[in-house]
C-alpha atoms as a PDB file:
ATOM      1  CA  MET A   1       8.991 -16.632 -19.654  1.00  0.00           C
ATOM      2  CA  ILE A   2      10.034 -13.737 -17.323  1.00  0.00           C
ATOM      3  CA  ARG A   3      12.662 -14.868 -14.564  1.00  0.00           C
ATOM      4  CA  VAL A   4      11.783 -14.097 -11.102  1.00  0.00           C
ATOM      5  CA  ALA A   5      13.215 -14.102  -7.534  1.00  0.00           C
ATOM      6  CA  VAL A   6      11.311 -13.653  -4.524  1.00  0.00           C
ATOM      7  CA  ILE A   7      13.510 -12.069  -1.568  1.00  0.00           C
ATOM      8  CA  GLY A   8      11.745 -12.758   1.830  1.00  0.00           C
ATOM      9  CA  ALA A   9       9.688 -15.799   2.236  1.00  0.00           C
ATOM     10  CA  GLY A  10       8.306 -15.300   5.640  1.00  0.00           C
ATOM     11  CA  SER A  11       4.415 -14.767   6.420  1.00  0.00           C
ATOM     12  CA  PHE A  12       3.495 -12.796   3.460  1.00  0.00           C
ATOM     13  CA  GLY A  13       6.492 -13.491   1.059  1.00  0.00           C
ATOM     14  CA  LYS A  14       5.440 -17.044   0.947  1.00  0.00           C
ATOM     15  CA  ASN A  15       2.448 -15.987  -1.086  1.00  0.00           C
ATOM     16  CA  HIS A  16       4.335 -14.314  -3.556  1.00  0.00           C
ATOM     17  CA  VAL A  17       6.257 -17.519  -3.971  1.00  0.00           C
ATOM     18  CA  ARG A  18       3.162 -19.263  -4.582  1.00  0.00           C
ATOM     19  CA  VAL A  19       1.759 -16.887  -7.142  1.00  0.00           C
ATOM     20  CA  VAL A  20       4.971 -16.743  -9.054  1.00  0.00           C
ATOM     21  CA  ARG A  21       4.974 -20.747  -9.163  1.00  0.00           C
ATOM     22  CA  GLU A  22       1.237 -20.489 -10.349  1.00  0.00           C
ATOM     23  CA  SER A  23       1.928 -17.954 -13.047  1.00  0.00           C
ATOM     24  CA  ALA A  24       2.270 -19.175 -16.811  1.00  0.00           C
ATOM     25  CA  ARG A  25       4.262 -16.050 -17.854  1.00  0.00           C
ATOM     26  CA  ALA A  26       7.106 -16.430 -15.162  1.00  0.00           C
ATOM     27  CA  GLU A  27       9.570 -18.704 -13.847  1.00  0.00           C
ATOM     28  CA  LEU A  28      10.555 -18.755 -10.062  1.00  0.00           C
ATOM     29  CA  CYS A  29      14.284 -18.968 -10.142  1.00  0.00           C
ATOM     30  CA  PHE A  30      15.267 -18.277  -6.986  1.00  0.00           C
ATOM     31  CA  VAL A  31      13.643 -17.699  -3.449  1.00  0.00           C
ATOM     32  CA  VAL A  32      15.813 -15.825  -1.086  1.00  0.00           C
ATOM     33  CA  ASP A  33      15.621 -15.663   2.461  1.00  0.00           C
ATOM     34  CA  ALA A  34      17.597 -15.572   6.003  1.00  0.00           C
ATOM     35  CA  ASP A  35      16.316 -19.320   6.720  1.00  0.00           C
ATOM     36  CA  PRO A  36      18.375 -21.639   4.618  1.00  0.00           C
ATOM     37  CA  ALA A  37      15.585 -24.255   4.955  1.00  0.00           C
ATOM     38  CA  VAL A  38      12.977 -22.137   2.909  1.00  0.00           C
ATOM     39  CA  ALA A  39      15.433 -20.645   0.355  1.00  0.00           C
ATOM     40  CA  ALA A  40      17.740 -21.416  -2.569  1.00  0.00           C
ATOM     41  CA  THR A  41      20.124 -18.770  -0.803  1.00  0.00           C
ATOM     42  CA  THR A  42      20.339 -16.484   1.872  1.00  0.00           C
ATOM     43  CA  ASP A  43      21.984 -13.537  -0.165  1.00  0.00           C
ATOM     44  CA  TYR A  44      20.161 -11.467  -2.694  1.00  0.00           C
ATOM     45  CA  ARG A  45      23.156 -10.725  -4.604  1.00  0.00           C
ATOM     46  CA  ASP A  46      23.169 -14.419  -5.661  1.00  0.00           C
ATOM     47  CA  VAL A  47      20.384 -13.440  -7.916  1.00  0.00           C
ATOM     48  CA  ILE A  48      22.141 -10.530 -10.025  1.00  0.00           C
ATOM     49  CA  GLY A  49      22.638 -11.599 -13.626  1.00  0.00           C
ATOM     50  CA  LYS A  50      20.299 -14.714 -13.375  1.00  0.00           C
ATOM     51  CA  VAL A  51      16.877 -13.070 -13.163  1.00  0.00           C
ATOM     52  CA  ASP A  52      14.843 -10.378 -14.783  1.00  0.00           C
ATOM     53  CA  ALA A  53      12.627  -9.242 -11.962  1.00  0.00           C
ATOM     54  CA  ALA A  54      12.507  -9.523  -8.261  1.00  0.00           C
ATOM     55  CA  ILE A  55       9.611  -9.177  -5.662  1.00  0.00           C
ATOM     56  CA  LEU A  56      10.888  -7.714  -2.183  1.00  0.00           C
ATOM     57  CA  ALA A  57       8.793  -9.082   0.884  1.00  0.00           C
ATOM     58  CA  VAL A  58      11.634  -8.032   3.136  1.00  0.00           C
ATOM     59  CA  PRO A  59      11.220  -5.690   6.399  1.00  0.00           C
ATOM     60  CA  THR A  60      10.803  -2.232   5.410  1.00  0.00           C
ATOM     61  CA  THR A  61      14.293  -1.070   6.470  1.00  0.00           C
ATOM     62  CA  LEU A  62      15.764  -3.147   3.743  1.00  0.00           C
ATOM     63  CA  HIS A  63      13.809  -2.190   1.075  1.00  0.00           C
ATOM     64  CA  ALA A  64      16.010   0.760  -0.136  1.00  0.00           C
ATOM     65  CA  GLU A  65      19.286  -1.226   0.424  1.00  0.00           C
ATOM     66  CA  ILE A  66      18.039  -4.393  -1.851  1.00  0.00           C
ATOM     67  CA  GLY A  67      15.744  -2.562  -4.032  1.00  0.00           C
ATOM     68  CA  CYS A  68      18.682  -0.218  -5.201  1.00  0.00           C
ATOM     69  CA  ALA A  69      21.144  -2.718  -5.577  1.00  0.00           C
ATOM     70  CA  LEU A  70      18.873  -4.973  -7.789  1.00  0.00           C
ATOM     71  CA  LEU A  71      17.641  -1.668 -10.011  1.00  0.00           C
ATOM     72  CA  GLU A  72      21.300  -0.841 -10.302  1.00  0.00           C
ATOM     73  CA  ALA A  73      22.056  -4.356 -11.560  1.00  0.00           C
ATOM     74  CA  GLY A  74      19.514  -3.908 -14.066  1.00  0.00           C
ATOM     75  CA  ILE A  75      16.539  -5.935 -12.472  1.00  0.00           C
ATOM     76  CA  ASP A  76      12.919  -4.783 -12.136  1.00  0.00           C
ATOM     77  CA  VAL A  77      11.257  -4.515  -8.907  1.00  0.00           C
ATOM     78  CA  LEU A  78       8.101  -5.320  -7.214  1.00  0.00           C
ATOM     79  CA  VAL A  79       8.707  -4.149  -3.733  1.00  0.00           C
ATOM     80  CA  GLU A  80       5.951  -4.585  -0.788  1.00  0.00           C
ATOM     81  CA  LYS A  81       4.492  -1.405   0.852  1.00  0.00           C
ATOM     82  CA  PRO A  82       5.370   1.019   2.172  1.00  0.00           C
ATOM     83  CA  ILE A  83       8.275   1.799  -0.593  1.00  0.00           C
ATOM     84  CA  ALA A  84      10.494   2.659   2.092  1.00  0.00           C
ATOM     85  CA  ALA A  85      11.206   3.602   5.666  1.00  0.00           C
ATOM     86  CA  THR A  86      11.802   7.334   4.994  1.00  0.00           C
ATOM     87  CA  LEU A  87      11.137   9.659   2.126  1.00  0.00           C
ATOM     88  CA  GLU A  88      14.766   9.812   1.384  1.00  0.00           C
ATOM     89  CA  GLU A  89      15.165   6.100   0.863  1.00  0.00           C
ATOM     90  CA  ALA A  90      11.933   6.326  -1.160  1.00  0.00           C
ATOM     91  CA  ASP A  91      13.993   8.889  -3.435  1.00  0.00           C
ATOM     92  CA  TRP A  92      16.736   6.474  -3.522  1.00  0.00           C
ATOM     93  CA  LEU A  93      14.570   3.854  -5.154  1.00  0.00           C
ATOM     94  CA  ILE A  94      12.854   5.941  -7.390  1.00  0.00           C
ATOM     95  CA  ASP A  95      16.267   7.591  -8.841  1.00  0.00           C
ATOM     96  CA  ALA A  96      17.744   4.208  -9.063  1.00  0.00           C
ATOM     97  CA  ALA A  97      15.031   3.033 -11.223  1.00  0.00           C
ATOM     98  CA  ASP A  98      14.793   6.301 -13.378  1.00  0.00           C
ATOM     99  CA  ARG A  99      18.683   6.199 -13.986  1.00  0.00           C
ATOM    100  CA  ASN A 100      18.551   2.275 -15.055  1.00  0.00           C
ATOM    101  CA  GLY A 101      15.222   2.301 -17.060  1.00  0.00           C
ATOM    102  CA  ARG A 102      14.031  -0.142 -14.594  1.00  0.00           C
ATOM    103  CA  ILE A 103      10.362  -1.043 -13.593  1.00  0.00           C
ATOM    104  CA  LEU A 104       9.507  -0.084  -9.820  1.00  0.00           C
ATOM    105  CA  GLN A 105       6.478  -1.345  -8.845  1.00  0.00           C
ATOM    106  CA  VAL A 106       4.913  -1.006  -5.374  1.00  0.00           C
ATOM    107  CA  GLY A 107       2.482  -3.513  -3.523  1.00  0.00           C
ATOM    108  CA  HIS A 108      -0.363  -1.332  -2.486  1.00  0.00           C
ATOM    109  CA  LEU A 109      -2.421  -4.537  -2.897  1.00  0.00           C
ATOM    110  CA  GLU A 110      -5.927  -3.188  -2.054  1.00  0.00           C
ATOM    111  CA  ARG A 111      -5.663  -1.313  -5.432  1.00  0.00           C
ATOM    112  CA  CYS A 112      -5.679  -4.625  -7.163  1.00  0.00           C
ATOM    113  CA  ASN A 113      -8.882  -5.640  -5.245  1.00  0.00           C
ATOM    114  CA  PRO A 114     -11.748  -6.100  -7.834  1.00  0.00           C
ATOM    115  CA  ALA A 115     -14.169  -3.897  -5.524  1.00  0.00           C
ATOM    116  CA  VAL A 116     -11.739  -1.177  -5.592  1.00  0.00           C
ATOM    117  CA  ILE A 117     -11.078  -1.346  -9.136  1.00  0.00           C
ATOM    118  CA  ALA A 118     -14.878  -1.209  -9.738  1.00  0.00           C
ATOM    119  CA  LEU A 119     -14.942   1.884  -7.306  1.00  0.00           C
ATOM    120  CA  GLU A 120     -12.195   3.881  -9.132  1.00  0.00           C
ATOM    121  CA  ARG A 121     -14.410   3.677 -12.329  1.00  0.00           C
ATOM    122  CA  ALA A 122     -17.307   4.897 -10.267  1.00  0.00           C
ATOM    123  CA  ALA A 123     -16.067   7.412  -8.070  1.00  0.00           C
ATOM    124  CA  THR A 124     -17.051  11.090  -9.621  1.00  0.00           C
ATOM    125  CA  LEU A 125     -16.754  13.643  -6.881  1.00  0.00           C
ATOM    126  CA  PRO A 126     -15.869  12.140  -3.504  1.00  0.00           C
ATOM    127  CA  LEU A 127     -17.238  14.195  -0.466  1.00  0.00           C
ATOM    128  CA  PHE A 128     -16.823  12.061   2.371  1.00  0.00           C
ATOM    129  CA  PHE A 129     -15.073   8.624   3.274  1.00  0.00           C
ATOM    130  CA  GLU A 130     -15.611   6.506   6.273  1.00  0.00           C
ATOM    131  CA  ILE A 131     -13.419   3.659   6.233  1.00  0.00           C
ATOM    132  CA  HIS A 132     -12.537   1.031   8.887  1.00  0.00           C
ATOM    133  CA  ARG A 133      -9.729  -1.680   8.850  1.00  0.00           C
ATOM    134  CA  MET A 134      -9.710  -3.876  11.926  1.00  0.00           C
ATOM    135  CA  SER A 135      -7.743  -7.007  12.344  1.00  0.00           C
ATOM    136  CA  VAL A 136      -6.783  -9.060  15.431  1.00  0.00           C
ATOM    137  CA  PHE A 137      -3.307  -8.904  16.832  1.00  0.00           C
ATOM    138  CA  THR A 138      -0.503 -11.299  15.256  1.00  0.00           C
ATOM    139  CA  LEU A 139       3.226 -11.028  15.572  1.00  0.00           C
ATOM    140  CA  ARG A 140       3.432 -10.233  11.733  1.00  0.00           C
ATOM    141  CA  SER A 141       5.034  -6.634  10.645  1.00  0.00           C
ATOM    142  CA  LEU A 142       5.467  -5.327  14.342  1.00  0.00           C
ATOM    143  CA  ASP A 143       8.749  -3.458  12.898  1.00  0.00           C
ATOM    144  CA  VAL A 144       6.209  -0.921  11.716  1.00  0.00           C
ATOM    145  CA  ASP A 145       3.218   0.729  13.331  1.00  0.00           C
ATOM    146  CA  VAL A 146      -0.374   0.204  12.262  1.00  0.00           C
ATOM    147  CA  VAL A 147      -0.457   3.486   9.950  1.00  0.00           C
ATOM    148  CA  LEU A 148       2.361   1.737   7.737  1.00  0.00           C
ATOM    149  CA  ASP A 149       1.071  -1.612   8.206  1.00  0.00           C
ATOM    150  CA  LEU A 150      -2.698  -1.345   7.637  1.00  0.00           C
ATOM    151  CA  MET A 151      -3.979   2.178   7.188  1.00  0.00           C
ATOM    152  CA  ILE A 152      -1.599   2.686   4.412  1.00  0.00           C
ATOM    153  CA  HIS A 153      -3.577   0.950   2.053  1.00  0.00           C
ATOM    154  CA  ASP A 154      -6.683   3.245   2.724  1.00  0.00           C
ATOM    155  CA  LEU A 155      -4.530   6.470   2.596  1.00  0.00           C
ATOM    156  CA  ASP A 156      -3.375   5.114  -0.861  1.00  0.00           C
ATOM    157  CA  ILE A 157      -6.920   4.645  -2.015  1.00  0.00           C
ATOM    158  CA  VAL A 158      -8.396   7.975  -0.667  1.00  0.00           C
ATOM    159  CA  LEU A 159      -5.357   9.995  -2.250  1.00  0.00           C
ATOM    160  CA  ALA A 160      -6.175   8.054  -5.528  1.00  0.00           C
ATOM    161  CA  LEU A 161     -10.032   9.053  -5.402  1.00  0.00           C
ATOM    162  CA  ALA A 162      -9.903  12.646  -3.932  1.00  0.00           C
ATOM    163  CA  ARG A 163      -9.989  15.182  -6.569  1.00  0.00           C
ATOM    164  CA  ALA A 164      -8.171  18.064  -4.685  1.00  0.00           C
ATOM    165  CA  GLU A 165      -4.935  18.592  -2.645  1.00  0.00           C
ATOM    166  CA  LEU A 166      -4.745  17.403   1.016  1.00  0.00           C
ATOM    167  CA  LYS A 167      -5.182  20.585   3.172  1.00  0.00           C
ATOM    168  CA  GLU A 168      -5.100  19.062   6.960  1.00  0.00           C
ATOM    169  CA  ILE A 169      -4.528  16.201   8.832  1.00  0.00           C
ATOM    170  CA  ARG A 170      -5.731  15.436  12.260  1.00  0.00           C
ATOM    171  CA  ALA A 171      -4.781  12.075  13.851  1.00  0.00           C
ATOM    172  CA  ALA A 172      -4.628  10.156  17.345  1.00  0.00           C
ATOM    173  CA  GLY A 173      -3.216   6.807  18.219  1.00  0.00           C
ATOM    174  CA  ILE A 174      -2.111   4.827  20.930  1.00  0.00           C
ATOM    175  CA  SER A 175       0.085   1.761  21.634  1.00  0.00           C
ATOM    176  CA  ILE A 176      -1.440  -1.423  23.438  1.00  0.00           C
ATOM    177  CA  LEU A 177       0.503  -4.672  22.767  1.00  0.00           C
ATOM    178  CA  SER A 178       3.624  -3.654  20.875  1.00  0.00           C
ATOM    179  CA  SER A 179       5.984  -0.821  21.075  1.00  0.00           C
ATOM    180  CA  LYS A 180       4.376   1.082  18.095  1.00  0.00           C
ATOM    181  CA  VAL A 181       1.124   2.575  17.388  1.00  0.00           C
ATOM    182  CA  ASP A 182      -1.491  -0.369  17.178  1.00  0.00           C
ATOM    183  CA  ILE A 183      -4.724   1.709  16.700  1.00  0.00           C
ATOM    184  CA  ALA A 184      -5.178   4.893  15.019  1.00  0.00           C
ATOM    185  CA  ASN A 185      -7.675   7.348  13.927  1.00  0.00           C
ATOM    186  CA  VAL A 186      -7.346   9.934  11.184  1.00  0.00           C
ATOM    187  CA  ARG A 187      -9.083  12.684   9.671  1.00  0.00           C
ATOM    188  CA  LEU A 188      -8.147  14.083   6.075  1.00  0.00           C
ATOM    189  CA  GLU A 189      -9.475  17.352   4.914  1.00  0.00           C
ATOM    190  CA  PHE A 190      -9.044  18.245   1.055  1.00  0.00           C
ATOM    191  CA  ALA A 191      -9.350  21.667  -0.235  1.00  0.00           C
ATOM    192  CA  ASP A 192     -12.477  20.950  -1.981  1.00  0.00           C
ATOM    193  CA  GLY A 193     -14.093  20.117   1.182  1.00  0.00           C
ATOM    194  CA  CYS A 194     -13.678  16.265   0.943  1.00  0.00           C
ATOM    195  CA  ILE A 195     -13.472  14.826   4.217  1.00  0.00           C
ATOM    196  CA  ALA A 196     -11.862  11.354   4.973  1.00  0.00           C
ATOM    197  CA  ASN A 197     -12.409   9.498   8.137  1.00  0.00           C
ATOM    198  CA  LEU A 198     -10.179   6.574   8.567  1.00  0.00           C
ATOM    199  CA  THR A 199      -9.652   4.154  11.619  1.00  0.00           C
ATOM    200  CA  ALA A 200      -7.210   1.298  11.764  1.00  0.00           C
ATOM    201  CA  SER A 201      -6.702  -1.352  14.555  1.00  0.00           C
ATOM    202  CA  ARG A 202      -4.485  -4.503  14.844  1.00  0.00           C
ATOM    203  CA  VAL A 203      -6.010  -5.147  18.351  1.00  0.00           C
ATOM    204  CA  SER A 204      -9.538  -5.952  17.324  1.00  0.00           C
ATOM    205  CA  THR A 205     -11.311  -8.872  18.362  1.00  0.00           C
ATOM    206  CA  GLU A 206     -12.922  -9.412  14.665  1.00  0.00           C
ATOM    207  CA  LYS A 207     -11.766  -8.521  11.245  1.00  0.00           C
ATOM    208  CA  VAL A 208     -13.408  -5.786   9.444  1.00  0.00           C
ATOM    209  CA  ARG A 209     -12.172  -4.160   6.265  1.00  0.00           C
ATOM    210  CA  LYS A 210     -15.164  -1.633   4.809  1.00  0.00           C
ATOM    211  CA  LEU A 211     -15.388   1.679   3.034  1.00  0.00           C
ATOM    212  CA  ARG A 212     -18.207   3.999   2.700  1.00  0.00           C
ATOM    213  CA  LEU A 213     -17.965   6.676  -0.106  1.00  0.00           C
ATOM    214  CA  PHE A 214     -20.606   9.624  -0.118  1.00  0.00           C
ATOM    215  CA  GLN A 215     -20.814  11.566  -3.423  1.00  0.00           C
ATOM    216  CA  PRO A 216     -23.416  13.925  -4.754  1.00  0.00           C
ATOM    217  CA  ARG A 217     -26.586  11.887  -5.123  1.00  0.00           C
ATOM    218  CA  GLN A 218     -24.801   8.608  -4.426  1.00  0.00           C
ATOM    219  CA  TYR A 219     -23.716   6.358  -1.467  1.00  0.00           C
ATOM    220  CA  ILE A 220     -21.306   3.370  -1.926  1.00  0.00           C
ATOM    221  CA  SER A 221     -20.809   0.782   0.349  1.00  0.00           C
ATOM    222  CA  LEU A 222     -17.615  -1.585  -0.143  1.00  0.00           C
ATOM    223  CA  ASP A 223     -16.544  -4.685   1.749  1.00  0.00           C
ATOM    224  CA  TYR A 224     -12.728  -5.171   0.820  1.00  0.00           C
ATOM    225  CA  ALA A 225     -12.785  -8.922   2.394  1.00  0.00           C
ATOM    226  CA  LYS A 226     -15.746 -10.013   0.263  1.00  0.00           C
ATOM    227  CA  GLN A 227     -15.001  -7.969  -2.822  1.00  0.00           C
ATOM    228  CA  SER A 228     -18.354  -6.661  -2.977  1.00  0.00           C
ATOM    229  CA  ALA A 229     -19.990  -3.280  -3.441  1.00  0.00           C
ATOM    230  CA  ALA A 230     -23.315  -1.692  -3.606  1.00  0.00           C
ATOM    231  CA  ALA A 231     -24.423   1.621  -4.396  1.00  0.00           C
ATOM    232  CA  PHE A 232     -27.704   3.702  -3.435  1.00  0.00           C
ATOM    233  CA  ARG A 233     -28.741   6.563  -5.836  1.00  0.00           C
ATOM    234  CA  VAL A 234     -31.132   9.244  -5.389  1.00  0.00           C
ATOM    235  CA  GLY A 235     -32.915  10.845  -8.200  1.00  0.00           C
ATOM    236  CA  GLY A 236     -34.924   9.822 -11.130  1.00  0.00           C
ATOM    237  CA  PRO A 237     -38.612   8.754 -11.201  1.00  0.00           C
ATOM    238  CA  GLU A 238     -37.969   5.599  -8.901  1.00  0.00           C
ATOM    239  CA  GLY A 239     -36.656   7.913  -6.230  1.00  0.00           C
ATOM    240  CA  ILE A 240     -33.963   5.839  -4.220  1.00  0.00           C
ATOM    241  CA  THR A 241     -32.552   2.966  -6.174  1.00  0.00           C
ATOM    242  CA  PHE A 242     -30.207   0.199  -4.972  1.00  0.00           C
ATOM    243  CA  GLU A 243     -27.516  -1.569  -7.144  1.00  0.00           C
ATOM    244  CA  GLN A 244     -25.340  -4.597  -5.993  1.00  0.00           C
ATOM    245  CA  TRP A 245     -22.451  -4.252  -8.525  1.00  0.00           C
ATOM    246  CA  PRO A 246     -21.492  -7.228 -10.472  1.00  0.00           C
ATOM    247  CA  ILE A 247     -18.043  -7.986  -9.415  1.00  0.00           C
ATOM    248  CA  ALA A 248     -15.999 -10.785 -10.347  1.00  0.00           C
ATOM    249  CA  PRO A 249     -13.978 -12.222  -7.527  1.00  0.00           C
ATOM    250  CA  ALA A 250     -10.182 -12.480  -7.843  1.00  0.00           C
ATOM    251  CA  GLU A 251      -6.799 -12.772  -6.027  1.00  0.00           C
ATOM    252  CA  PRO A 252      -5.384  -9.171  -5.523  1.00  0.00           C
ATOM    253  CA  LEU A 253      -2.114 -10.824  -5.215  1.00  0.00           C
ATOM    254  CA  LYS A 254      -2.121 -12.485  -8.400  1.00  0.00           C
ATOM    255  CA  LEU A 255      -3.774  -9.350 -10.337  1.00  0.00           C
ATOM    256  CA  GLN A 256      -0.810  -7.175  -8.767  1.00  0.00           C
ATOM    257  CA  PHE A 257       1.545  -9.702 -10.196  1.00  0.00           C
ATOM    258  CA  GLU A 258      -0.060  -9.595 -13.519  1.00  0.00           C
ATOM    259  CA  ALA A 259       0.190  -5.795 -13.597  1.00  0.00           C
ATOM    260  CA  PHE A 260       3.756  -6.260 -12.678  1.00  0.00           C
ATOM    261  CA  LEU A 261       4.508  -8.627 -15.380  1.00  0.00           C
ATOM    262  CA  ASP A 262       2.682  -6.467 -17.961  1.00  0.00           C
ATOM    263  CA  ALA A 263       4.977  -3.427 -17.163  1.00  0.00           C
ATOM    264  CA  VAL A 264       8.003  -5.622 -17.473  1.00  0.00           C
ATOM    265  CA  GLU A 265       6.876  -6.833 -20.854  1.00  0.00           C
ATOM    266  CA  SER A 266       5.604  -3.584 -22.155  1.00  0.00           C
ATOM    267  CA  ARG A 267       8.357  -1.138 -20.359  1.00  0.00           C
ATOM    268  CA  THR A 268       5.598   1.104 -19.453  1.00  0.00           C
ATOM    269  CA  THR A 269       5.284   2.786 -16.027  1.00  0.00           C
ATOM    270  CA  PRO A 270       3.050   1.012 -13.520  1.00  0.00           C
ATOM    271  CA  LYS A 271      -0.171   2.761 -12.126  1.00  0.00           C
ATOM    272  CA  LEU A 272       1.435   1.911  -8.743  1.00  0.00           C
ATOM    273  CA  ASN A 273       4.818   3.465  -9.443  1.00  0.00           C
ATOM    274  CA  GLY A 274       7.515   4.839  -7.111  1.00  0.00           C
ATOM    275  CA  ARG A 275       6.088   8.484  -7.132  1.00  0.00           C
ATOM    276  CA  VAL A 276       2.619   7.388  -6.339  1.00  0.00           C
ATOM    277  CA  ALA A 277       3.875   5.156  -3.589  1.00  0.00           C
ATOM    278  CA  ARG A 278       6.177   8.121  -2.298  1.00  0.00           C
ATOM    279  CA  ARG A 279       3.110  10.572  -1.764  1.00  0.00           C
ATOM    280  CA  THR A 280       1.325   7.981  -0.206  1.00  0.00           C
ATOM    281  CA  LEU A 281       4.421   7.404   2.413  1.00  0.00           C
ATOM    282  CA  GLU A 282       4.544  10.959   2.737  1.00  0.00           C
ATOM    283  CA  VAL A 283       1.029  11.462   3.928  1.00  0.00           C
ATOM    284  CA  ALA A 284       1.427   8.362   6.263  1.00  0.00           C
ATOM    285  CA  LEU A 285       4.411   9.726   8.022  1.00  0.00           C
ATOM    286  CA  ALA A 286       2.654  13.022   8.073  1.00  0.00           C
ATOM    287  CA  VAL A 287      -0.079  11.221  10.081  1.00  0.00           C
ATOM    288  CA  LEU A 288       2.401   9.376  12.564  1.00  0.00           C
ATOM    289  CA  ALA A 289       3.833  13.201  13.212  1.00  0.00           C
ATOM    290  CA  LYS A 290       0.475  14.183  14.023  1.00  0.00           C
ATOM    291  CA  ILE A 291      -0.193  11.233  16.423  1.00  0.00           C
ATOM    292  CA  GLU A 292       2.917  11.930  18.296  1.00  0.00           C
ATOM    293  CA  GLU A 293       2.009  15.489  18.564  1.00  0.00           C
ATOM    294  CA  HIS A 294      -1.385  14.336  20.202  1.00  0.00           C
ATOM    295  CA  THR A 295       0.391  11.976  22.161  1.00  0.00           C
ATOM    296  CA  GLY A 296       2.289  14.722  23.891  1.00  0.00           C
ATOM    297  CA  VAL A 297      -0.792  16.811  24.617  1.00  0.00           C
ATOM    298  CA  VAL A 298      -2.468  13.778  26.272  1.00  0.00           C
ATOM    299  CA  GLU A 299       0.627  12.989  28.331  1.00  0.00           C
ATOM    300  CA  GLN A 300       0.856  16.818  29.273  1.00  0.00           C
ATOM    301  CA  THR A 301      -2.701  16.639  30.297  1.00  0.00           C
ATOM    302  CA  LEU A 302      -2.405  13.370  32.538  1.00  0.00           C
ATOM    303  CA  SER A 303       0.770  15.019  34.212  1.00  0.00           C
ATOM    304  CA  SER A 304      -1.044  18.187  34.834  1.00  0.00           C
ATOM    305  CA  ALA A 305      -3.968  16.010  36.437  1.00  0.00           C
ATOM    306  CA  GLY A 306      -1.560  14.061  38.478  1.00  0.00           C
ATOM    307  CA  TRP A 307      -1.641  10.829  36.684  1.00  0.00           C
ATOM    308  CA  LYS A 308       1.325   8.991  36.356  1.00  0.00           C
ATOM    309  CA  PRO A 309       2.265   5.856  33.992  1.00  0.00           C
END
């Protein structure tokens, strides 16, 4: 039994608590949270020397501080996405894991979606992505914008499937109900001509999470929420064929935790390791820079036209 602590028992952290409790391979030894009513302790340092692994579900700004301290203490870490608030902080986490021979896995949860796992096997030469991730507004994760909160899932998947280096980023976004960007649209262009259009919103009236992938002679439509995917193929004696993929449903959070336990037991680098997550963060931050650049152009245009905020 791997001894585990969950640090952060808020709106999403409580799901980690449940998953660890339900695992036959792990023992939940500590829940750490600022609210003593839901935790055994309020200080993450209390778990050092008493657990083998920890899950960090705290605000992104605390990932580097707490994660590095745990890694230095010889504890394997599964940290929620994004890996850190800055690339420098991401590097601190990666370095701490390397120096201490620890496992560092990052919770890009959608990569553990059974439909996405099937898509990774089927992708050959992606040429065009169309992705929509829309959610209704909640008070959760308002410390980060919609790019680092929602779109980062899809950026991670596109970067994993694209076969060439990223060449250009175009992006626009606006703040509506919070001080951060609440809706964003991004266009990524890769060196081989592959294009990815991504839209993310947390101010939608409905929840939509869909991906469409076009590659030579094939179109694949995937629904993240339903964990379903279908493919249209052109060619052969039947002309156009349609196939609904046989996908066994499973809870991505449980699959993610199982992958983490596998890495802890085998001492092998997880698929969603620190370096993979750092690259995704780098692109996400570049998207935010492009959004800021676009916002400046819009503000200048409005000012020139006599509009006032």
